[in-house]
């Protein structure tokens, strides 16, 4: 389970989110922040788990989930019980190589081929944007001063 997750305050101004009923908005925020979510933006979440966490009846959950799918905020694979947040990497992009490696490992574990393919494509786009931004940032600073490598002194 994650200890931390990012939710942009911009969510409150997004037209798709604003068009939702309050219960649908709550379910979307649950998907973003639930203890089941991970850095791939996709998690296995049987409806019974979500209903227990939210203290909802299955019918209310199914209707809210359908609204989120209909407005393209999430993708769901009912066969694998997986939920993927569309746009996850816009606010949860990889921040370094280690983060990239861990996220790719989680994407590979997605059982649904459709959701795994979507996550891979979204992740690759986010990683390329991260690299491009890092390169641009480096170029805007001008030439970088090379620091000397630390000298390793052996023990006697």
N, C-alpha and C. Protein backbone atom coordinates (compact mmCIF):
# COMPACT_ATOMS: atom_id res chain seq x y z
N UNK A 1 0.84 -1.17 0.00
CA UNK A 1 0.00 0.00 0.00
C UNK A 1 0.89 1.24 0.00
N UNK A 2 0.49 2.22 -0.79
CA UNK A 2 1.23 3.48 -0.86
C UNK A 2 0.96 4.32 0.38
N UNK A 3 1.96 5.12 0.75
CA UNK A 3 1.78 6.07 1.84
C UNK A 3 1.45 7.46 1.33
N UNK A 4 1.65 7.66 0.03
CA UNK A 4 1.50 8.99 -0.53
C UNK A 4 0.99 8.88 -1.96
N UNK A 5 0.19 9.83 -2.38
CA UNK A 5 -0.27 9.91 -3.76
C UNK A 5 -0.59 11.35 -4.11
N UNK A 6 -0.47 11.67 -5.39
CA UNK A 6 -0.74 13.03 -5.86
C UNK A 6 -2.13 13.12 -6.44
N UNK A 7 -2.85 14.13 -6.02
CA UNK A 7 -4.13 14.47 -6.63
C UNK A 7 -4.06 15.97 -6.89
N UNK A 8 -4.13 16.34 -8.14
CA UNK A 8 -4.03 17.75 -8.50
C UNK A 8 -5.29 18.50 -8.09
N UNK A 9 -5.13 19.70 -7.53
CA UNK A 9 -6.31 20.51 -7.22
C UNK A 9 -7.07 20.93 -8.48
N UNK A 10 -6.43 20.78 -9.64
CA UNK A 10 -7.08 21.10 -10.91
C UNK A 10 -8.27 20.19 -11.19
N UNK A 11 -8.33 19.05 -10.49
CA UNK A 11 -9.43 18.11 -10.71
C UNK A 11 -10.78 18.82 -10.53
N UNK A 12 -10.84 19.77 -9.62
CA UNK A 12 -12.10 20.46 -9.32
C UNK A 12 -12.56 21.37 -10.45
N UNK A 13 -11.67 21.65 -11.40
CA UNK A 13 -12.02 22.51 -12.53
C UNK A 13 -12.13 21.75 -13.85
N UNK A 14 -11.85 20.46 -13.82
CA UNK A 14 -11.93 19.65 -15.02
C UNK A 14 -13.40 19.45 -15.42
N UNK A 15 -13.74 19.78 -16.67
CA UNK A 15 -15.14 19.66 -17.11
C UNK A 15 -15.73 18.26 -16.92
N UNK A 16 -14.95 17.21 -17.21
CA UNK A 16 -15.48 15.86 -17.04
C UNK A 16 -15.83 15.59 -15.58
N UNK A 17 -14.94 15.99 -14.68
CA UNK A 17 -15.17 15.77 -13.25
C UNK A 17 -16.35 16.60 -12.77
N UNK A 18 -16.43 17.84 -13.19
CA UNK A 18 -17.51 18.73 -12.75
C UNK A 18 -18.88 18.26 -13.26
N UNK A 19 -18.89 17.54 -14.37
CA UNK A 19 -20.16 17.08 -14.94
C UNK A 19 -20.75 15.89 -14.17
N UNK A 20 -19.93 15.29 -13.30
CA UNK A 20 -20.35 14.10 -12.57
C UNK A 20 -21.23 14.44 -11.37
N UNK A 21 -22.10 13.51 -11.01
CA UNK A 21 -22.85 13.62 -9.76
C UNK A 21 -21.87 13.46 -8.60
N UNK A 22 -22.25 13.93 -7.43
CA UNK A 22 -21.36 13.90 -6.26
C UNK A 22 -20.86 12.50 -5.93
N UNK A 23 -21.72 11.51 -5.99
CA UNK A 23 -21.30 10.14 -5.69
C UNK A 23 -20.27 9.64 -6.70
N UNK A 24 -20.44 10.04 -7.96
CA UNK A 24 -19.49 9.64 -9.00
C UNK A 24 -18.14 10.33 -8.76
N UNK A 25 -18.18 11.58 -8.35
CA UNK A 25 -16.95 12.30 -8.01
C UNK A 25 -16.24 11.61 -6.85
N UNK A 26 -17.00 11.20 -5.86
CA UNK A 26 -16.41 10.52 -4.71
C UNK A 26 -15.73 9.22 -5.14
N UNK A 27 -16.37 8.48 -6.03
CA UNK A 27 -15.76 7.24 -6.49
C UNK A 27 -14.47 7.53 -7.25
N UNK A 28 -14.45 8.57 -8.07
CA UNK A 28 -13.23 8.92 -8.79
C UNK A 28 -12.11 9.27 -7.82
N UNK A 29 -12.41 10.06 -6.81
CA UNK A 29 -11.40 10.41 -5.81
C UNK A 29 -10.94 9.16 -5.04
N UNK A 30 -11.86 8.26 -4.80
CA UNK A 30 -11.50 6.98 -4.17
C UNK A 30 -10.53 6.20 -5.06
N UNK A 31 -10.83 6.12 -6.36
CA UNK A 31 -9.93 5.41 -7.26
C UNK A 31 -8.54 6.04 -7.26
N UNK A 32 -8.48 7.37 -7.21
CA UNK A 32 -7.18 8.06 -7.20
C UNK A 32 -6.39 7.81 -5.92
N UNK A 33 -7.08 7.66 -4.81
CA UNK A 33 -6.41 7.67 -3.51
C UNK A 33 -6.55 6.37 -2.71
N UNK A 34 -7.22 5.39 -3.25
CA UNK A 34 -7.49 4.19 -2.46
C UNK A 34 -6.21 3.45 -2.09
N UNK A 35 -6.27 2.66 -1.04
CA UNK A 35 -5.09 1.87 -0.64
C UNK A 35 -4.74 0.79 -1.67
N UNK A 36 -5.61 0.57 -2.63
CA UNK A 36 -5.36 -0.45 -3.65
C UNK A 36 -4.54 0.10 -4.82
N UNK A 37 -4.52 1.41 -4.98
CA UNK A 37 -3.86 2.05 -6.12
C UNK A 37 -2.35 1.97 -6.00
N UNK A 38 -1.66 1.97 -7.14
CA UNK A 38 -0.19 1.96 -7.13
C UNK A 38 0.32 2.91 -8.21
N UNK A 39 1.62 2.95 -8.41
CA UNK A 39 2.20 3.95 -9.31
C UNK A 39 1.95 3.67 -10.79
N UNK A 40 1.31 2.56 -11.12
CA UNK A 40 0.95 2.30 -12.52
C UNK A 40 -0.37 2.96 -12.89
N UNK A 41 -1.12 3.41 -11.89
CA UNK A 41 -2.44 4.00 -12.15
C UNK A 41 -3.51 2.97 -12.38
N UNK A 42 -3.16 1.71 -12.17
CA UNK A 42 -4.10 0.61 -12.39
C UNK A 42 -4.02 -0.34 -11.20
N UNK A 43 -5.17 -0.78 -10.74
CA UNK A 43 -5.16 -1.72 -9.63
C UNK A 43 -6.27 -2.75 -9.82
N UNK A 44 -6.06 -3.88 -9.19
CA UNK A 44 -7.09 -4.91 -9.14
C UNK A 44 -8.03 -4.51 -8.02
N UNK A 45 -9.29 -4.33 -8.34
CA UNK A 45 -10.23 -3.83 -7.35
C UNK A 45 -11.61 -4.47 -7.56
N UNK A 46 -11.81 -5.66 -7.01
CA UNK A 46 -13.14 -6.24 -7.08
C UNK A 46 -14.16 -5.30 -6.46
N UNK A 47 -15.34 -5.27 -7.03
CA UNK A 47 -16.36 -4.33 -6.56
C UNK A 47 -16.68 -4.53 -5.07
N UNK A 48 -16.59 -5.74 -4.60
CA UNK A 48 -16.85 -5.99 -3.18
C UNK A 48 -15.87 -5.26 -2.26
N UNK A 49 -14.59 -5.19 -2.68
CA UNK A 49 -13.60 -4.44 -1.90
C UNK A 49 -13.97 -2.97 -1.84
N UNK A 50 -14.30 -2.41 -3.02
CA UNK A 50 -14.64 -0.99 -3.08
C UNK A 50 -15.91 -0.71 -2.28
N UNK A 51 -16.91 -1.55 -2.42
CA UNK A 51 -18.16 -1.35 -1.67
C UNK A 51 -17.91 -1.39 -0.17
N UNK A 52 -17.05 -2.30 0.26
CA UNK A 52 -16.73 -2.39 1.70
C UNK A 52 -15.98 -1.13 2.15
N UNK A 53 -15.00 -0.68 1.36
CA UNK A 53 -14.25 0.52 1.72
C UNK A 53 -15.15 1.75 1.79
N UNK A 54 -16.07 1.86 0.83
CA UNK A 54 -16.92 3.06 0.73
C UNK A 54 -18.21 2.94 1.53
N UNK A 55 -18.51 1.72 1.99
CA UNK A 55 -19.78 1.45 2.67
C UNK A 55 -20.96 1.73 1.73
N UNK A 56 -20.83 1.25 0.50
CA UNK A 56 -21.84 1.42 -0.54
C UNK A 56 -22.49 0.08 -0.87
N UNK A 57 -23.68 0.16 -1.42
CA UNK A 57 -24.35 -1.01 -1.98
C UNK A 57 -23.81 -1.26 -3.39
N UNK A 58 -23.77 -2.52 -3.84
CA UNK A 58 -23.23 -2.82 -5.17
C UNK A 58 -23.89 -2.03 -6.31
N UNK A 59 -25.17 -1.81 -6.25
CA UNK A 59 -25.85 -1.06 -7.32
C UNK A 59 -25.36 0.37 -7.43
N UNK A 60 -25.14 1.01 -6.30
CA UNK A 60 -24.63 2.39 -6.31
C UNK A 60 -23.22 2.43 -6.88
N UNK A 61 -22.40 1.44 -6.50
CA UNK A 61 -21.03 1.37 -7.01
C UNK A 61 -21.03 1.15 -8.52
N UNK A 62 -21.82 0.20 -8.99
CA UNK A 62 -21.86 -0.10 -10.42
C UNK A 62 -22.29 1.11 -11.24
N UNK A 63 -23.29 1.85 -10.75
CA UNK A 63 -23.78 3.03 -11.48
C UNK A 63 -22.71 4.13 -11.52
N UNK A 64 -22.04 4.36 -10.40
CA UNK A 64 -21.00 5.39 -10.36
C UNK A 64 -19.82 4.99 -11.24
N UNK A 65 -19.43 3.73 -11.19
CA UNK A 65 -18.32 3.26 -12.03
C UNK A 65 -18.67 3.41 -13.51
N UNK A 66 -19.89 3.11 -13.88
CA UNK A 66 -20.33 3.26 -15.27
C UNK A 66 -20.24 4.72 -15.71
N UNK A 67 -20.60 5.63 -14.84
CA UNK A 67 -20.50 7.07 -15.17
C UNK A 67 -19.05 7.47 -15.43
N UNK A 68 -18.13 6.94 -14.63
CA UNK A 68 -16.71 7.26 -14.81
C UNK A 68 -16.16 6.67 -16.11
N UNK A 69 -16.62 5.48 -16.45
CA UNK A 69 -16.21 4.86 -17.72
C UNK A 69 -16.80 5.65 -18.89
N UNK A 70 -18.09 6.00 -18.78
CA UNK A 70 -18.76 6.72 -19.86
C UNK A 70 -18.11 8.07 -20.17
N UNK A 71 -17.60 8.75 -19.14
CA UNK A 71 -16.97 10.05 -19.40
C UNK A 71 -15.45 9.91 -19.55
N UNK A 72 -14.98 8.68 -19.69
CA UNK A 72 -13.59 8.36 -20.02
C UNK A 72 -12.57 8.83 -18.98
N UNK A 73 -12.96 8.77 -17.70
CA UNK A 73 -12.01 9.06 -16.62
C UNK A 73 -11.31 7.79 -16.15
N UNK A 74 -11.96 6.65 -16.34
CA UNK A 74 -11.35 5.37 -15.99
C UNK A 74 -11.65 4.34 -17.08
N UNK A 75 -10.81 3.33 -17.12
CA UNK A 75 -11.07 2.14 -17.92
C UNK A 75 -11.21 0.99 -16.95
N UNK A 76 -12.11 0.07 -17.26
CA UNK A 76 -12.37 -1.06 -16.37
C UNK A 76 -12.36 -2.34 -17.20
N UNK A 77 -11.74 -3.37 -16.65
CA UNK A 77 -11.83 -4.69 -17.23
C UNK A 77 -12.55 -5.56 -16.21
N UNK A 78 -13.78 -5.89 -16.49
CA UNK A 78 -14.59 -6.64 -15.54
C UNK A 78 -14.12 -8.08 -15.38
N UNK A 79 -13.43 -8.62 -16.38
CA UNK A 79 -12.93 -9.99 -16.28
C UNK A 79 -11.79 -10.09 -15.27
N UNK A 80 -10.94 -9.07 -15.23
CA UNK A 80 -9.79 -9.10 -14.32
C UNK A 80 -10.01 -8.26 -13.07
N UNK A 81 -11.15 -7.57 -13.00
CA UNK A 81 -11.46 -6.68 -11.87
C UNK A 81 -10.43 -5.56 -11.72
N UNK A 82 -9.93 -5.05 -12.84
CA UNK A 82 -8.93 -3.99 -12.79
C UNK A 82 -9.54 -2.65 -13.22
N UNK A 83 -9.06 -1.60 -12.56
CA UNK A 83 -9.49 -0.24 -12.84
C UNK A 83 -8.24 0.58 -13.15
N UNK A 84 -8.26 1.29 -14.28
CA UNK A 84 -7.14 2.12 -14.68
C UNK A 84 -7.60 3.57 -14.74
N UNK A 85 -6.83 4.46 -14.14
CA UNK A 85 -7.13 5.89 -14.18
C UNK A 85 -6.58 6.46 -15.49
N UNK A 86 -7.45 6.99 -16.33
CA UNK A 86 -7.02 7.64 -17.57
C UNK A 86 -6.37 8.96 -17.17
N UNK A 87 -5.21 9.25 -17.71
CA UNK A 87 -4.51 10.49 -17.37
C UNK A 87 -3.69 10.41 -16.10
N UNK A 88 -3.52 9.22 -15.55
CA UNK A 88 -2.77 9.04 -14.30
C UNK A 88 -1.39 9.69 -14.36
N UNK A 89 -0.69 9.48 -15.46
CA UNK A 89 0.70 9.94 -15.55
C UNK A 89 0.83 11.44 -15.79
N UNK A 90 -0.28 12.13 -16.02
CA UNK A 90 -0.21 13.59 -16.13
C UNK A 90 0.21 14.21 -14.80
N UNK A 91 -0.19 13.58 -13.70
CA UNK A 91 0.14 14.10 -12.37
C UNK A 91 1.03 13.16 -11.56
N UNK A 92 1.26 11.99 -12.08
CA UNK A 92 2.07 10.98 -11.38
C UNK A 92 3.14 10.41 -12.30
N UNK A 93 3.78 11.30 -13.02
CA UNK A 93 4.82 10.88 -13.97
C UNK A 93 6.03 10.34 -13.23
N UNK A 94 6.79 9.48 -13.88
CA UNK A 94 8.02 8.97 -13.26
C UNK A 94 9.00 10.11 -13.03
N UNK A 95 9.72 10.05 -11.92
CA UNK A 95 10.62 11.14 -11.54
C UNK A 95 12.10 10.80 -11.67
N UNK A 96 12.41 9.54 -11.91
CA UNK A 96 13.80 9.13 -12.06
C UNK A 96 13.81 7.69 -12.59
N UNK A 97 15.01 7.18 -12.87
CA UNK A 97 15.14 5.83 -13.42
C UNK A 97 14.58 4.75 -12.50
N UNK A 98 14.83 4.89 -11.20
CA UNK A 98 14.35 3.89 -10.24
C UNK A 98 12.82 3.87 -10.23
N UNK A 99 12.21 5.05 -10.24
CA UNK A 99 10.75 5.15 -10.29
C UNK A 99 10.23 4.54 -11.59
N UNK A 100 10.93 4.83 -12.70
CA UNK A 100 10.55 4.27 -14.00
C UNK A 100 10.56 2.74 -13.94
N UNK A 101 11.64 2.17 -13.43
CA UNK A 101 11.78 0.71 -13.36
C UNK A 101 10.65 0.09 -12.55
N UNK A 102 10.36 0.67 -11.39
CA UNK A 102 9.30 0.14 -10.54
C UNK A 102 7.93 0.25 -11.19
N UNK A 103 7.68 1.36 -11.86
CA UNK A 103 6.38 1.55 -12.51
C UNK A 103 6.21 0.58 -13.67
N UNK A 104 7.25 0.41 -14.47
CA UNK A 104 7.18 -0.54 -15.59
C UNK A 104 6.91 -1.95 -15.05
N UNK A 105 7.54 -2.30 -13.96
CA UNK A 105 7.32 -3.62 -13.35
C UNK A 105 5.83 -3.78 -12.97
N UNK A 106 5.24 -2.73 -12.42
CA UNK A 106 3.82 -2.80 -12.04
C UNK A 106 2.92 -2.86 -13.27
N UNK A 107 3.28 -2.11 -14.31
CA UNK A 107 2.48 -2.15 -15.54
C UNK A 107 2.50 -3.56 -16.12
N UNK A 108 3.64 -4.21 -16.08
CA UNK A 108 3.75 -5.57 -16.62
C UNK A 108 2.86 -6.56 -15.86
N UNK A 109 2.53 -6.26 -14.63
CA UNK A 109 1.69 -7.15 -13.82
C UNK A 109 0.19 -6.96 -14.09
N UNK A 110 -0.18 -5.94 -14.86
CA UNK A 110 -1.60 -5.72 -15.19
C UNK A 110 -2.07 -6.91 -16.01
N UNK A 111 -3.12 -7.59 -15.53
CA UNK A 111 -3.60 -8.81 -16.19
C UNK A 111 -4.33 -8.52 -17.50
N UNK A 112 -5.09 -7.44 -17.52
CA UNK A 112 -5.86 -7.10 -18.71
C UNK A 112 -4.92 -6.60 -19.81
N UNK A 113 -4.94 -7.30 -20.94
CA UNK A 113 -4.08 -6.88 -22.05
C UNK A 113 -4.44 -5.47 -22.52
N UNK A 114 -5.73 -5.17 -22.59
CA UNK A 114 -6.18 -3.84 -23.03
C UNK A 114 -5.68 -2.74 -22.09
N UNK A 115 -5.83 -2.95 -20.79
CA UNK A 115 -5.40 -1.94 -19.81
C UNK A 115 -3.88 -1.85 -19.75
N UNK A 116 -3.20 -2.98 -19.85
CA UNK A 116 -1.74 -2.99 -19.84
C UNK A 116 -1.19 -2.20 -21.04
N UNK A 117 -1.78 -2.42 -22.21
CA UNK A 117 -1.35 -1.72 -23.42
C UNK A 117 -1.59 -0.21 -23.27
N UNK A 118 -2.74 0.17 -22.75
CA UNK A 118 -3.04 1.58 -22.54
C UNK A 118 -2.05 2.20 -21.56
N UNK A 119 -1.78 1.49 -20.46
CA UNK A 119 -0.85 2.00 -19.44
C UNK A 119 0.56 2.14 -20.01
N UNK A 120 1.00 1.16 -20.79
CA UNK A 120 2.34 1.24 -21.41
C UNK A 120 2.45 2.48 -22.29
N UNK A 121 1.46 2.68 -23.13
CA UNK A 121 1.49 3.82 -24.04
C UNK A 121 1.50 5.15 -23.27
N UNK A 122 0.64 5.26 -22.28
CA UNK A 122 0.58 6.49 -21.48
C UNK A 122 1.88 6.71 -20.71
N UNK A 123 2.45 5.62 -20.19
CA UNK A 123 3.70 5.73 -19.45
C UNK A 123 4.84 6.17 -20.36
N UNK A 124 4.97 5.57 -21.52
CA UNK A 124 6.04 5.93 -22.45
C UNK A 124 5.95 7.40 -22.84
N UNK A 125 4.75 7.89 -23.04
CA UNK A 125 4.56 9.31 -23.37
C UNK A 125 4.99 10.19 -22.19
N UNK A 126 4.61 9.81 -20.98
CA UNK A 126 4.98 10.58 -19.79
C UNK A 126 6.49 10.55 -19.57
N UNK A 127 7.11 9.39 -19.79
CA UNK A 127 8.56 9.28 -19.61
C UNK A 127 9.29 10.16 -20.63
N UNK A 128 8.82 10.15 -21.86
CA UNK A 128 9.45 10.99 -22.88
C UNK A 128 9.31 12.48 -22.53
N UNK A 129 8.16 12.87 -22.01
CA UNK A 129 7.97 14.26 -21.58
C UNK A 129 8.91 14.60 -20.43
N UNK A 130 9.12 13.65 -19.52
CA UNK A 130 10.05 13.87 -18.41
C UNK A 130 11.46 14.06 -18.94
N UNK A 131 11.89 13.22 -19.86
CA UNK A 131 13.23 13.32 -20.45
C UNK A 131 13.37 14.65 -21.19
N UNK A 132 12.36 14.99 -21.99
CA UNK A 132 12.42 16.25 -22.75
C UNK A 132 12.52 17.45 -21.80
N UNK A 133 11.74 17.43 -20.72
CA UNK A 133 11.78 18.53 -19.75
C UNK A 133 13.13 18.60 -19.06
N UNK A 134 13.69 17.45 -18.72
CA UNK A 134 15.01 17.42 -18.07
C UNK A 134 16.08 17.96 -19.01
N UNK A 135 16.01 17.57 -20.27
CA UNK A 135 16.98 18.07 -21.25
C UNK A 135 16.82 19.58 -21.43
N UNK A 136 15.60 20.03 -21.53
CA UNK A 136 15.34 21.47 -21.70
C UNK A 136 15.84 22.24 -20.48
N UNK A 137 15.60 21.71 -19.30
CA UNK A 137 16.05 22.36 -18.08
C UNK A 137 17.57 22.43 -18.06
N UNK A 138 18.22 21.34 -18.45
CA UNK A 138 19.69 21.32 -18.50
C UNK A 138 20.23 22.30 -19.51
N UNK A 139 19.59 22.40 -20.65
CA UNK A 139 20.04 23.32 -21.68
C UNK A 139 19.83 24.77 -21.27
N UNK A 140 18.78 25.04 -20.55
CA UNK A 140 18.49 26.42 -20.16
C UNK A 140 19.45 26.93 -19.09
N UNK A 141 20.13 26.03 -18.41
CA UNK A 141 21.07 26.44 -17.36
C UNK A 141 22.44 26.81 -17.93
N UNK A 142 22.69 26.42 -19.17
CA UNK A 142 24.01 26.66 -19.75
C UNK A 142 24.95 25.53 -19.39
N UNK A 143 26.22 25.69 -19.72
CA UNK A 143 27.18 24.62 -19.44
C UNK A 143 27.26 24.33 -17.94
N UNK A 144 27.28 23.05 -17.63
CA UNK A 144 27.34 22.64 -16.23
C UNK A 144 28.80 22.48 -15.81
N UNK A 145 29.12 22.95 -14.64
CA UNK A 145 30.46 22.80 -14.09
C UNK A 145 30.64 21.35 -13.66
N UNK A 146 31.69 20.75 -14.07
CA UNK A 146 31.98 19.38 -13.69
C UNK A 146 32.61 19.36 -12.30
N UNK A 147 32.03 18.60 -11.42
CA UNK A 147 32.59 18.46 -10.08
C UNK A 147 33.56 17.30 -10.08
N UNK A 148 34.66 17.42 -9.35
CA UNK A 148 35.61 16.32 -9.32
C UNK A 148 34.99 15.10 -8.62
N UNK A 149 35.36 13.92 -9.08
CA UNK A 149 34.89 12.70 -8.43
C UNK A 149 35.56 12.56 -7.08
N UNK A 150 34.84 12.05 -6.09
CA UNK A 150 35.45 11.86 -4.77
C UNK A 150 36.56 10.82 -4.83
N UNK A 151 37.57 11.05 -4.09
CA UNK A 151 38.68 10.10 -4.02
C UNK A 151 38.37 9.06 -2.96
N UNK A 152 38.54 7.81 -3.33
CA UNK A 152 38.28 6.73 -2.39
C UNK A 152 39.60 6.35 -1.74
N UNK A 153 39.61 6.42 -0.45
CA UNK A 153 40.82 6.07 0.30
C UNK A 153 40.59 4.71 0.94
N UNK A 154 41.52 3.77 0.67
CA UNK A 154 41.37 2.42 1.23
C UNK A 154 41.70 2.38 2.71
N UNK A 155 41.18 1.40 3.41
CA UNK A 155 41.46 1.20 4.84
C UNK A 155 42.81 0.54 4.99
N UNK A 156 43.46 0.88 6.07
CA UNK A 156 44.76 0.24 6.37
C UNK A 156 44.59 -0.77 7.45
